PDB file of all heavy atoms in Angstrom:
ATOM      1  N   THR A   1     -60.245-112.491  39.254  1.00  0.00           N
ATOM      2  CA  THR A   1     -60.868-111.171  39.403  1.00  0.00           C
ATOM      3  C   THR A   1     -61.813-111.102  40.600  1.00  0.00           C
ATOM      4  O   THR A   1     -62.238-110.017  40.990  1.00  0.00           O
ATOM      5  CB  THR A   1     -61.654-110.771  38.131  1.00  0.00           C
ATOM      6  OG1 THR A   1     -62.780-111.635  37.986  1.00  0.00           O
ATOM      7  CG2 THR A   1     -60.769-110.815  36.900  1.00  0.00           C
ATOM      8  N   LEU A   2     -62.163-112.262  41.158  1.00  0.00           N
ATOM      9  CA  LEU A   2     -63.075-112.287  42.306  1.00  0.00           C
ATOM     10  C   LEU A   2     -62.327-111.949  43.581  1.00  0.00           C
ATOM     11  O   LEU A   2     -61.129-112.196  43.702  1.00  0.00           O
ATOM     12  CB  LEU A   2     -63.711-113.672  42.455  1.00  0.00           C
ATOM     13  CG  LEU A   2     -64.500-114.210  41.267  1.00  0.00           C
ATOM     14  CD1 LEU A   2     -64.996-115.615  41.576  1.00  0.00           C
ATOM     15  CD2 LEU A   2     -65.658-113.293  40.934  1.00  0.00           C
ATOM     16  N   ASN A   3     -63.086-111.421  44.567  1.00  0.00           N
ATOM     17  CA  ASN A   3     -62.439-111.237  45.858  1.00  0.00           C
ATOM     18  C   ASN A   3     -62.337-112.603  46.540  1.00  0.00           C
ATOM     19  O   ASN A   3     -62.945-113.587  46.104  1.00  0.00           O
ATOM     20  CB  ASN A   3     -63.159-110.186  46.716  1.00  0.00           C
ATOM     21  CG  ASN A   3     -64.517-110.619  47.211  1.00  0.00           C
ATOM     22  OD1 ASN A   3     -64.721-111.766  47.620  1.00  0.00           O
ATOM     23  ND2 ASN A   3     -65.467-109.690  47.199  1.00  0.00           N
ATOM     24  N   ASP A   4     -61.558-112.693  47.581  1.00  0.00           N
ATOM     25  CA  ASP A   4     -61.252-113.972  48.219  1.00  0.00           C
ATOM     26  C   ASP A   4     -62.497-114.683  48.742  1.00  0.00           C
ATOM     27  O   ASP A   4     -62.617-115.904  48.603  1.00  0.00           O
ATOM     28  CB  ASP A   4     -60.252-113.771  49.358  1.00  0.00           C
ATOM     29  CG  ASP A   4     -58.933-113.214  48.861  1.00  0.00           C
ATOM     30  OD1 ASP A   4     -58.525-113.564  47.738  1.00  0.00           O
ATOM     31  OD2 ASP A   4     -58.314-112.422  49.588  1.00  0.00           O
ATOM     32  N   ASP A   5     -63.422-113.939  49.330  1.00  0.00           N
ATOM     33  CA  ASP A   5     -64.641-114.550  49.868  1.00  0.00           C
ATOM     34  C   ASP A   5     -65.489-115.156  48.757  1.00  0.00           C
ATOM     35  O   ASP A   5     -66.027-116.254  48.896  1.00  0.00           O
ATOM     36  CB  ASP A   5     -65.472-113.517  50.639  1.00  0.00           C
ATOM     37  CG  ASP A   5     -64.788-113.049  51.909  1.00  0.00           C
ATOM     38  OD1 ASP A   5     -63.959-113.814  52.459  1.00  0.00           O
ATOM     39  OD2 ASP A   5     -65.082-111.926  52.364  1.00  0.00           O
ATOM     40  N   GLN A   6     -65.610-114.445  47.653  1.00  0.00           N
ATOM     41  CA  GLN A   6     -66.389-114.957  46.529  1.00  0.00           C
ATOM     42  C   GLN A   6     -65.720-116.188  45.920  1.00  0.00           C
ATOM     43  O   GLN A   6     -66.382-117.161  45.582  1.00  0.00           O
ATOM     44  CB  GLN A   6     -66.547-113.870  45.457  1.00  0.00           C
ATOM     45  CG  GLN A   6     -67.433-112.720  45.884  1.00  0.00           C
ATOM     46  CD  GLN A   6     -67.377-111.567  44.896  1.00  0.00           C
ATOM     47  OE1 GLN A   6     -66.464-111.457  44.089  1.00  0.00           O
ATOM     48  NE2 GLN A   6     -68.360-110.689  44.978  1.00  0.00           N
ATOM     49  N   ARG A   7     -64.403-116.153  45.799  1.00  0.00           N
ATOM     50  CA  ARG A   7     -63.678-117.273  45.217  1.00  0.00           C
ATOM     51  C   ARG A   7     -63.850-118.535  46.060  1.00  0.00           C
ATOM     52  O   ARG A   7     -64.079-119.625  45.527  1.00  0.00           O
ATOM     53  CB  ARG A   7     -62.197-116.917  45.083  1.00  0.00           C
ATOM     54  CG  ARG A   7     -61.412-117.890  44.236  1.00  0.00           C
ATOM     55  CD  ARG A   7     -59.956-117.486  44.030  1.00  0.00           C
ATOM     56  NE  ARG A   7     -59.804-116.125  43.569  1.00  0.00           N
ATOM     57  CZ  ARG A   7     -59.244-115.143  44.300  1.00  0.00           C
ATOM     58  NH1 ARG A   7     -58.782-115.384  45.490  1.00  0.00           N
ATOM     59  NH2 ARG A   7     -59.143-113.927  43.808  1.00  0.00           N
ATOM     60  N   GLU A   8     -63.765-118.392  47.391  1.00  0.00           N
ATOM     61  CA  GLU A   8     -63.958-119.546  48.281  1.00  0.00           C
ATOM     62  C   GLU A   8     -65.317-120.187  48.054  1.00  0.00           C
ATOM     63  O   GLU A   8     -65.436-121.400  47.952  1.00  0.00           O
ATOM     64  CB  GLU A   8     -63.890-119.080  49.750  1.00  0.00           C
ATOM     65  CG  GLU A   8     -62.574-119.227  50.383  1.00  0.00           C
ATOM     66  CD  GLU A   8     -62.621-118.806  51.849  1.00  0.00           C
ATOM     67  OE1 GLU A   8     -63.568-118.126  52.283  1.00  0.00           O
ATOM     68  OE2 GLU A   8     -61.694-119.182  52.561  1.00  0.00           O
ATOM     69  N   VAL A   9     -66.344-119.360  47.996  1.00  0.00           N
ATOM     70  CA  VAL A   9     -67.711-119.860  47.855  1.00  0.00           C
ATOM     71  C   VAL A   9     -67.901-120.528  46.498  1.00  0.00           C
ATOM     72  O   VAL A   9     -68.488-121.611  46.405  1.00  0.00           O
ATOM     73  CB  VAL A   9     -68.729-118.716  48.079  1.00  0.00           C
ATOM     74  CG1 VAL A   9     -70.122-119.130  47.705  1.00  0.00           C
ATOM     75  CG2 VAL A   9     -68.688-118.245  49.529  1.00  0.00           C
ATOM     76  N   VAL A  10     -67.386-119.926  45.444  1.00  0.00           N
ATOM     77  CA  VAL A  10     -67.523-120.501  44.102  1.00  0.00           C
ATOM     78  C   VAL A  10     -66.805-121.843  44.024  1.00  0.00           C
ATOM     79  O   VAL A  10     -67.353-122.807  43.473  1.00  0.00           O
ATOM     80  CB  VAL A  10     -66.986-119.526  43.027  1.00  0.00           C
ATOM     81  CG1 VAL A  10     -66.798-120.224  41.692  1.00  0.00           C
ATOM     82  CG2 VAL A  10     -67.930-118.352  42.865  1.00  0.00           C
ATOM     83  N   LEU A  11     -65.608-121.923  44.567  1.00  0.00           N
ATOM     84  CA  LEU A  11     -64.862-123.175  44.503  1.00  0.00           C
ATOM     85  C   LEU A  11     -65.559-124.288  45.268  1.00  0.00           C
ATOM     86  O   LEU A  11     -65.637-125.419  44.790  1.00  0.00           O
ATOM     87  CB  LEU A  11     -63.429-122.976  45.018  1.00  0.00           C
ATOM     88  CG  LEU A  11     -62.539-122.131  44.107  1.00  0.00           C
ATOM     89  CD1 LEU A  11     -61.188-121.863  44.772  1.00  0.00           C
ATOM     90  CD2 LEU A  11     -62.337-122.772  42.753  1.00  0.00           C
ATOM     91  N   LEU A  12     -66.085-123.989  46.439  1.00  0.00           N
ATOM     92  CA  LEU A  12     -66.772-125.022  47.212  1.00  0.00           C
ATOM     93  C   LEU A  12     -68.118-125.397  46.590  1.00  0.00           C
ATOM     94  O   LEU A  12     -68.466-126.572  46.507  1.00  0.00           O
ATOM     95  CB  LEU A  12     -66.977-124.569  48.659  1.00  0.00           C
ATOM     96  CG  LEU A  12     -65.723-124.555  49.532  1.00  0.00           C
ATOM     97  CD1 LEU A  12     -66.010-123.886  50.867  1.00  0.00           C
ATOM     98  CD2 LEU A  12     -65.195-125.959  49.741  1.00  0.00           C
ATOM     99  N   HIS A  13     -68.875-124.402  46.154  1.00  0.00           N
ATOM    100  CA  HIS A  13     -70.224-124.663  45.636  1.00  0.00           C
ATOM    101  C   HIS A  13     -70.199-125.174  44.200  1.00  0.00           C
ATOM    102  O   HIS A  13     -70.706-126.259  43.908  1.00  0.00           O
ATOM    103  CB  HIS A  13     -71.061-123.387  45.730  1.00  0.00           C
ATOM    104  CG  HIS A  13     -72.496-123.588  45.362  1.00  0.00           C
ATOM    105  ND1 HIS A  13     -72.929-123.536  44.057  1.00  0.00           N
ATOM    106  CD2 HIS A  13     -73.584-123.869  46.123  1.00  0.00           C
ATOM    107  CE1 HIS A  13     -74.235-123.758  44.026  1.00  0.00           C
ATOM    108  NE2 HIS A  13     -74.653-123.967  45.260  1.00  0.00           N
ATOM    109  N   ASP A  14     -69.613-124.405  43.312  1.00  0.00           N
ATOM    110  CA  ASP A  14     -69.693-124.741  41.891  1.00  0.00           C
ATOM    111  C   ASP A  14     -68.669-125.794  41.465  1.00  0.00           C
ATOM    112  O   ASP A  14     -68.936-126.579  40.571  1.00  0.00           O
ATOM    113  CB  ASP A  14     -69.516-123.482  41.037  1.00  0.00           C
ATOM    114  CG  ASP A  14     -70.691-122.520  41.194  1.00  0.00           C
ATOM    115  OD1 ASP A  14     -71.740-122.935  41.713  1.00  0.00           O
ATOM    116  OD2 ASP A  14     -70.548-121.343  40.805  1.00  0.00           O
ATOM    117  N   SER A  15     -67.519-125.799  42.101  1.00  0.00           N
ATOM    118  CA  SER A  15     -66.498-126.750  41.702  1.00  0.00           C
ATOM    119  C   SER A  15     -66.619-128.077  42.445  1.00  0.00           C
ATOM    120  O   SER A  15     -66.546-129.138  41.840  1.00  0.00           O
ATOM    121  CB  SER A  15     -65.117-126.148  41.944  1.00  0.00           C
ATOM    122  OG  SER A  15     -64.111-127.037  41.553  1.00  0.00           O
ATOM    123  N   GLU A  16     -66.837-128.027  43.748  1.00  0.00           N
ATOM    124  CA  GLU A  16     -66.932-129.252  44.546  1.00  0.00           C
ATOM    125  C   GLU A  16     -68.360-129.739  44.721  1.00  0.00           C
ATOM    126  O   GLU A  16     -68.577-130.856  45.172  1.00  0.00           O
ATOM    127  CB  GLU A  16     -66.273-129.058  45.917  1.00  0.00           C
ATOM    128  CG  GLU A  16     -64.762-128.984  45.850  1.00  0.00           C
ATOM    129  CD  GLU A  16     -64.129-130.222  45.251  1.00  0.00           C
ATOM    130  OE1 GLU A  16     -64.560-131.346  45.574  1.00  0.00           O
ATOM    131  OE2 GLU A  16     -63.181-130.069  44.458  1.00  0.00           O
ATOM    132  N   GLY A  17     -69.332-128.918  44.418  1.00  0.00           N
ATOM    133  CA  GLY A  17     -70.721-129.358  44.428  1.00  0.00           C
ATOM    134  C   GLY A  17     -71.420-129.334  45.777  1.00  0.00           C
ATOM    135  O   GLY A  17     -72.479-129.940  45.940  1.00  0.00           O
ATOM    136  N   TYR A  18     -70.881-128.610  46.742  1.00  0.00           N
ATOM    137  CA  TYR A  18     -71.565-128.500  48.028  1.00  0.00           C
ATOM    138  C   TYR A  18     -72.730-127.534  47.902  1.00  0.00           C
ATOM    139  O   TYR A  18     -72.672-126.550  47.168  1.00  0.00           O
ATOM    140  CB  TYR A  18     -70.597-128.034  49.120  1.00  0.00           C
ATOM    141  CG  TYR A  18     -69.568-129.086  49.451  1.00  0.00           C
ATOM    142  CD1 TYR A  18     -68.260-128.969  49.020  1.00  0.00           C
ATOM    143  CD2 TYR A  18     -69.927-130.219  50.159  1.00  0.00           C
ATOM    144  CE1 TYR A  18     -67.322-129.946  49.295  1.00  0.00           C
ATOM    145  CE2 TYR A  18     -69.001-131.203  50.445  1.00  0.00           C
ATOM    146  CZ  TYR A  18     -67.709-131.068  50.009  1.00  0.00           C
ATOM    147  OH  TYR A  18     -66.797-132.040  50.288  1.00  0.00           O
ATOM    148  N   SER A  19     -73.798-127.809  48.630  1.00  0.00           N
ATOM    149  CA  SER A  19     -74.969-126.928  48.600  1.00  0.00           C
ATOM    150  C   SER A  19     -74.640-125.630  49.337  1.00  0.00           C
ATOM    151  O   SER A  19     -73.655-125.554  50.078  1.00  0.00           O
ATOM    152  CB  SER A  19     -76.153-127.614  49.286  1.00  0.00           C
ATOM    153  OG  SER A  19     -75.930-127.700  50.683  1.00  0.00           O
ATOM    154  N   ALA A  20     -75.470-124.629  49.134  1.00  0.00           N
ATOM    155  CA  ALA A  20     -75.267-123.345  49.805  1.00  0.00           C
ATOM    156  C   ALA A  20     -75.284-123.524  51.324  1.00  0.00           C
ATOM    157  O   ALA A  20     -74.475-122.922  52.040  1.00  0.00           O
ATOM    158  CB  ALA A  20     -76.329-122.342  49.369  1.00  0.00           C
ATOM    159  N   THR A  21     -76.175-124.370  51.806  1.00  0.00           N
ATOM    160  CA  THR A  21     -76.255-124.627  53.245  1.00  0.00           C
ATOM    161  C   THR A  21     -74.980-125.303  53.741  1.00  0.00           C
ATOM    162  O   THR A  21     -74.462-124.956  54.808  1.00  0.00           O
ATOM    163  CB  THR A  21     -77.481-125.511  53.563  1.00  0.00           C
ATOM    164  OG1 THR A  21     -78.653-124.836  53.090  1.00  0.00           O
ATOM    165  CG2 THR A  21     -77.605-125.780  55.041  1.00  0.00           C
ATOM    166  N   GLU A  22     -74.456-126.244  52.961  1.00  0.00           N
ATOM    167  CA  GLU A  22     -73.218-126.926  53.344  1.00  0.00           C
ATOM    168  C   GLU A  22     -72.034-125.960  53.323  1.00  0.00           C
ATOM    169  O   GLU A  22     -71.196-125.979  54.235  1.00  0.00           O
ATOM    170  CB  GLU A  22     -72.968-128.119  52.415  1.00  0.00           C
ATOM    171  CG  GLU A  22     -73.973-129.238  52.599  1.00  0.00           C
ATOM    172  CD  GLU A  22     -73.953-130.278  51.487  1.00  0.00           C
ATOM    173  OE1 GLU A  22     -73.467-129.983  50.366  1.00  0.00           O
ATOM    174  OE2 GLU A  22     -74.440-131.393  51.746  1.00  0.00           O
ATOM    175  N   VAL A  23     -71.963-125.108  52.319  1.00  0.00           N
ATOM    176  CA  VAL A  23     -70.890-124.115  52.241  1.00  0.00           C
ATOM    177  C   VAL A  23     -70.976-123.164  53.430  1.00  0.00           C
ATOM    178  O   VAL A  23     -69.964-122.823  54.047  1.00  0.00           O
ATOM    179  CB  VAL A  23     -70.921-123.344  50.908  1.00  0.00           C
ATOM    180  CG1 VAL A  23     -69.917-122.197  50.906  1.00  0.00           C
ATOM    181  CG2 VAL A  23     -70.659-124.279  49.739  1.00  0.00           C
ATOM    182  N   ALA A  24     -72.185-122.760  53.769  1.00  0.00           N
ATOM    183  CA  ALA A  24     -72.376-121.876  54.920  1.00  0.00           C
ATOM    184  C   ALA A  24     -71.857-122.528  56.196  1.00  0.00           C
ATOM    185  O   ALA A  24     -71.169-121.893  57.000  1.00  0.00           O
ATOM    186  CB  ALA A  24     -73.855-121.510  55.067  1.00  0.00           C
ATOM    187  N   SER A  25     -72.163-123.789  56.352  1.00  0.00           N
ATOM    188  CA  SER A  25     -71.698-124.519  57.528  1.00  0.00           C
ATOM    189  C   SER A  25     -70.181-124.656  57.531  1.00  0.00           C
ATOM    190  O   SER A  25     -69.533-124.476  58.560  1.00  0.00           O
ATOM    191  CB  SER A  25     -72.350-125.903  57.564  1.00  0.00           C
ATOM    192  OG  SER A  25     -71.825-126.671  58.618  1.00  0.00           O
ATOM    193  N   ILE A  26     -69.602-124.962  56.388  1.00  0.00           N
ATOM    194  CA  ILE A  26     -68.153-125.124  56.285  1.00  0.00           C
ATOM    195  C   ILE A  26     -67.437-123.829  56.646  1.00  0.00           C
ATOM    196  O   ILE A  26     -66.470-123.827  57.403  1.00  0.00           O
ATOM    197  CB  ILE A  26     -67.753-125.584  54.867  1.00  0.00           C
ATOM    198  CG1 ILE A  26     -68.211-127.026  54.624  1.00  0.00           C
ATOM    199  CG2 ILE A  26     -66.253-125.440  54.630  1.00  0.00           C
ATOM    200  CD1 ILE A  26     -68.157-127.458  53.166  1.00  0.00           C
ATOM    201  N   LEU A  27     -67.917-122.713  56.098  1.00  0.00           N
ATOM    202  CA  LEU A  27     -67.237-121.430  56.281  1.00  0.00           C
ATOM    203  C   LEU A  27     -67.711-120.667  57.512  1.00  0.00           C
ATOM    204  O   LEU A  27     -67.133-119.627  57.844  1.00  0.00           O
ATOM    205  CB  LEU A  27     -67.416-120.564  55.028  1.00  0.00           C
ATOM    206  CG  LEU A  27     -66.834-121.143  53.740  1.00  0.00           C
ATOM    207  CD1 LEU A  27     -67.138-120.218  52.565  1.00  0.00           C
ATOM    208  CD2 LEU A  27     -65.340-121.372  53.876  1.00  0.00           C
ATOM    209  N   GLY A  28     -68.773-121.141  58.151  1.00  0.00           N
ATOM    210  CA  GLY A  28     -69.273-120.458  59.343  1.00  0.00           C
ATOM    211  C   GLY A  28     -69.936-119.130  59.039  1.00  0.00           C
ATOM    212  O   GLY A  28     -69.794-118.166  59.788  1.00  0.00           O
ATOM    213  N   ILE A  29     -70.663-119.087  57.912  1.00  0.00           N
ATOM    214  CA  ILE A  29     -71.402-117.880  57.533  1.00  0.00           C
ATOM    215  C   ILE A  29     -72.849-118.272  57.261  1.00  0.00           C
ATOM    216  O   ILE A  29     -73.186-119.450  57.243  1.00  0.00           O
ATOM    217  CB  ILE A  29     -70.768-117.191  56.289  1.00  0.00           C
ATOM    218  CG1 ILE A  29     -70.684-118.160  55.107  1.00  0.00           C
ATOM    219  CG2 ILE A  29     -69.396-116.639  56.629  1.00  0.00           C
ATOM    220  CD1 ILE A  29     -70.078-117.572  53.834  1.00  0.00           C
ATOM    221  N   SER A  30     -73.699-117.291  57.036  1.00  0.00           N
ATOM    222  CA  SER A  30     -75.113-117.595  56.815  1.00  0.00           C
ATOM    223  C   SER A  30     -75.365-118.047  55.376  1.00  0.00           C
ATOM    224  O   SER A  30     -74.574-117.762  54.470  1.00  0.00           O
ATOM    225  CB  SER A  30     -75.971-116.361  57.114  1.00  0.00           C
ATOM    226  OG  SER A  30     -75.801-115.395  56.095  1.00  0.00           O
ATOM    227  N   ASP A  31     -76.493-118.748  55.179  1.00  0.00           N
ATOM    228  CA  ASP A  31     -76.900-119.163  53.835  1.00  0.00           C
ATOM    229  C   ASP A  31     -77.060-117.956  52.925  1.00  0.00           C
ATOM    230  O   ASP A  31     -76.665-117.989  51.757  1.00  0.00           O
ATOM    231  CB  ASP A  31     -78.234-119.918  53.882  1.00  0.00           C
ATOM    232  CG  ASP A  31     -78.109-121.314  54.443  1.00  0.00           C
ATOM    233  OD1 ASP A  31     -76.997-121.709  54.837  1.00  0.00           O
ATOM    234  OD2 ASP A  31     -79.134-122.018  54.473  1.00  0.00           O
ATOM    235  N   GLY A  32     -77.640-116.902  53.457  1.00  0.00           N
ATOM    236  CA  GLY A  32     -77.856-115.693  52.669  1.00  0.00           C
ATOM    237  C   GLY A  32     -76.552-115.084  52.186  1.00  0.00           C
ATOM    238  O   GLY A  32     -76.458-114.607  51.049  1.00  0.00           O
ATOM    239  N   THR A  33     -75.542-115.117  53.038  1.00  0.00           N
ATOM    240  CA  THR A  33     -74.235-114.586  52.655  1.00  0.00           C
ATOM    241  C   THR A  33     -73.630-115.435  51.539  1.00  0.00           C
ATOM    242  O   THR A  33     -73.067-114.904  50.579  1.00  0.00           O
ATOM    243  CB  THR A  33     -73.291-114.550  53.876  1.00  0.00           C
ATOM    244  OG1 THR A  33     -73.878-113.724  54.887  1.00  0.00           O
ATOM    245  CG2 THR A  33     -71.921-114.005  53.508  1.00  0.00           C
TER     246      THR A  33
END
């Protein structure tokens, strides 16, 4: 039910355990996003 951007972030952060800063770096977006 999530949009693609939300799903990517959830899978990297909640499933793989990367921090928000690490996810931001991986995806090339800001921490706030």
